[in-house]
Protein backbone atom coordinates (compact mmCIF):
# COMPACT_ATOMS: atom_id res chain seq x y z
CA MET A 1 -63.33 281.50 106.04
CA ILE A 2 -61.18 279.11 104.08
CA LYS A 3 -61.76 279.80 100.25
CA CYS A 4 -60.57 276.63 98.52
CA HIS A 5 -59.63 276.87 94.70
CA LEU A 6 -59.59 273.48 93.65
CA SER A 7 -62.37 274.02 91.19
CA ARG A 8 -60.83 277.06 89.14
CA ILE A 9 -57.30 275.42 89.18
CA MET A 10 -59.49 272.01 87.41
CA GLY A 11 -61.13 273.92 85.23
CA GLU A 12 -58.28 275.96 84.05
CA LYS A 13 -56.66 272.39 83.63
CA LYS A 14 -59.53 270.53 82.11
CA LEU A 15 -59.56 268.12 84.54
CA ARG A 16 -62.57 266.05 85.74
CA VAL A 17 -63.42 264.89 89.63
CA ALA A 18 -62.71 261.37 88.84
CA ASP A 19 -59.49 262.02 86.84
CA VAL A 20 -58.07 263.77 90.16
CA ALA A 21 -59.25 261.52 92.80
CA ARG A 22 -57.66 258.35 90.58
CA ALA A 23 -54.43 260.52 90.02
CA VAL A 24 -53.79 261.26 93.41
CA GLY A 25 -55.11 258.21 94.85
CA VAL A 26 -57.97 259.72 97.53
CA HIS A 27 -61.47 258.76 97.31
CA ARG A 28 -63.41 260.66 94.63
CA ASN A 29 -65.84 262.02 97.06
CA ALA A 30 -62.69 263.66 99.63
CA ILE A 31 -62.51 265.58 96.02
CA THR A 32 -65.88 266.26 95.40
CA LEU A 33 -66.54 268.10 98.77
CA LEU A 34 -63.19 270.50 98.07
CA TYR A 35 -64.71 270.88 94.33
CA GLU A 36 -68.00 272.28 95.83
CA GLU A 37 -66.41 274.07 98.70
CA THR A 38 -68.20 271.91 101.56
CA ALA A 39 -65.57 270.14 103.45
CA SER A 40 -65.52 270.69 106.83
CA ARG A 41 -61.55 268.72 107.07
CA VAL A 42 -58.94 268.02 105.08
CA GLU A 43 -56.13 265.36 105.68
CA MET A 44 -52.97 266.81 104.94
CA ASP A 45 -51.97 263.87 103.01
CA THR A 46 -54.72 264.70 100.27
CA ILE A 47 -53.43 268.29 100.48
CA ASN A 48 -50.21 267.25 99.86
CA LYS A 49 -50.81 264.88 97.14
CA LEU A 50 -53.23 267.84 95.20
CA CYS A 51 -50.34 269.91 95.56
CA ALA A 52 -48.24 267.61 93.80
CA PHE A 53 -50.62 266.73 90.93
CA LEU A 54 -51.61 269.98 89.99
CA ASP A 55 -48.08 271.42 90.69
CA CYS A 56 -49.49 274.61 92.80
CA GLY A 57 -48.81 275.13 96.36
CA ILE A 58 -50.98 275.35 99.32
CA GLN A 59 -51.40 278.97 98.58
CA ASP A 60 -53.00 278.51 95.33
CA LEU A 61 -54.97 275.67 96.77
CA PHE A 62 -56.24 277.45 99.71
CA GLU A 63 -56.93 281.40 100.41
CA TYR A 64 -57.85 282.13 103.94
CA LEU A 65 -60.78 285.54 103.33
CA PRO A 66 -61.24 287.59 107.35
CA GLU A 67 -65.39 287.02 107.79
CA GLY A 68 -67.60 289.68 105.76
CA GLU A 69 -64.80 289.21 103.17
CA ASN A 70 -66.13 286.53 101.22
């Protein structure tokens, strides 16, 4: 299972979904799906833009958890 930490990172930085979407140039729905951990796929360009904007690495944004460890 892939865990997305976008909501935690955004909370720490006091950012709203709309603000992030506008800043990275990605549709708000794409950010919402990641924020709520309901996305089934993510464009590499979106990941790149998020990491650059949030000043984090991909390992900070996503985490792999083997099944049963969630």
